């Protein structure tokens, strides 16, 4: 879409009743959210793949949940 067409569409949209403008805005935002959601999902999948590779190759040392929980509780007691 060229800039001129975009401005024309925007101009027409802004002349619509408020309820229609709300619907238009919601539809436009939903379109952005869908793209953003796909990008976020892809970024998370890349991060998951990277971490799994680090675990599989031994470059990342996992800490058992019990140790993490105990550390959190100790730190929480110190901060009180």
Protein backbone atom coordinates (compact mmCIF):
# COMPACT_ATOMS: atom_id res chain seq x y z
CA UNK A 1 0.00 0.00 0.00
CA UNK A 2 1.39 3.36 -0.97
CA UNK A 3 1.51 6.22 1.46
CA UNK A 4 -1.17 8.10 -0.50
CA UNK A 5 -3.57 5.17 -0.28
CA UNK A 6 -2.82 4.75 3.43
CA UNK A 7 -3.67 8.41 4.07
CA UNK A 8 -6.84 8.06 2.01
CA UNK A 9 -7.94 5.01 4.02
CA UNK A 10 -7.07 6.79 7.27
CA UNK A 11 -9.02 9.88 6.22
CA UNK A 12 -12.09 7.78 5.39
CA UNK A 13 -11.78 5.84 8.64
CA UNK A 14 -11.57 9.01 10.71
CA UNK A 15 -14.83 10.28 9.17
CA UNK A 16 -16.76 7.23 10.37
CA UNK A 17 -18.94 7.17 13.49
CA UNK A 18 -17.10 6.47 16.74
CA UNK A 19 -18.32 2.89 17.06
CA UNK A 20 -17.03 2.09 13.56
CA UNK A 21 -13.71 3.79 14.30
CA UNK A 22 -13.38 1.60 17.40
CA UNK A 23 -14.03 -1.52 15.30
CA UNK A 24 -11.48 -0.38 12.72
CA UNK A 25 -8.89 0.34 15.42
CA UNK A 26 -9.49 -3.03 17.07
CA UNK A 27 -9.10 -4.83 13.75
CA UNK A 28 -5.87 -2.99 12.97
CA UNK A 29 -4.42 -3.69 16.41
CA UNK A 30 -5.46 -7.34 16.22
CA UNK A 31 -3.58 -7.57 12.92
CA UNK A 32 -0.47 -6.18 14.58
CA UNK A 33 -0.87 -8.46 17.58
CA UNK A 34 -1.07 -11.52 15.34
CA UNK A 35 2.23 -10.62 13.70
CA UNK A 36 3.78 -9.75 17.04
CA UNK A 37 2.56 -13.03 18.55
CA UNK A 38 4.20 -15.01 15.75
CA UNK A 39 7.46 -13.14 16.28
CA UNK A 40 7.31 -13.70 20.02
CA UNK A 41 6.58 -17.42 19.56
CA UNK A 42 9.52 -17.71 17.15
CA UNK A 43 11.84 -15.91 19.58
CA UNK A 44 10.76 -18.20 22.44
CA UNK A 45 11.26 -21.29 20.28
CA UNK A 46 14.78 -20.15 19.37
CA UNK A 47 15.56 -19.56 23.06
CA UNK A 48 14.18 -22.98 24.02
CA UNK A 49 16.23 -24.66 21.28
CA UNK A 50 19.35 -22.80 22.42
CA UNK A 51 18.89 -23.81 26.06
CA UNK A 52 18.16 -27.43 25.17
CA UNK A 53 21.32 -27.51 23.09
CA UNK A 54 23.30 -26.06 26.01
CA UNK A 55 21.89 -28.72 28.33
CA UNK A 56 22.54 -31.51 25.81
CA UNK A 57 26.14 -30.42 25.24
CA UNK A 58 26.84 -29.85 28.92
CA UNK A 59 27.64 -26.14 28.52
CA UNK A 60 24.77 -25.31 30.86
CA UNK A 61 24.63 -26.71 34.36
CA UNK A 62 21.12 -27.27 35.65
CA UNK A 63 20.29 -26.62 39.28
CA UNK A 64 17.73 -28.89 40.95
CA UNK A 65 14.46 -27.14 41.86
CA UNK A 66 14.91 -28.02 45.52
CA UNK A 67 18.23 -26.11 45.64
CA UNK A 68 16.73 -23.09 43.90
CA UNK A 69 13.71 -23.11 46.22
CA UNK A 70 15.91 -23.35 49.32
CA UNK A 71 18.05 -20.48 48.07
CA UNK A 72 14.97 -18.36 47.45
CA UNK A 73 13.61 -19.03 50.92
CA UNK A 74 16.97 -18.20 52.53
CA UNK A 75 17.15 -14.92 50.59
CA UNK A 76 13.55 -14.07 51.48
CA UNK A 77 14.31 -14.55 55.19
CA UNK A 78 17.35 -12.29 54.95
CA UNK A 79 15.33 -9.51 53.28
CA UNK A 80 12.56 -9.44 55.90
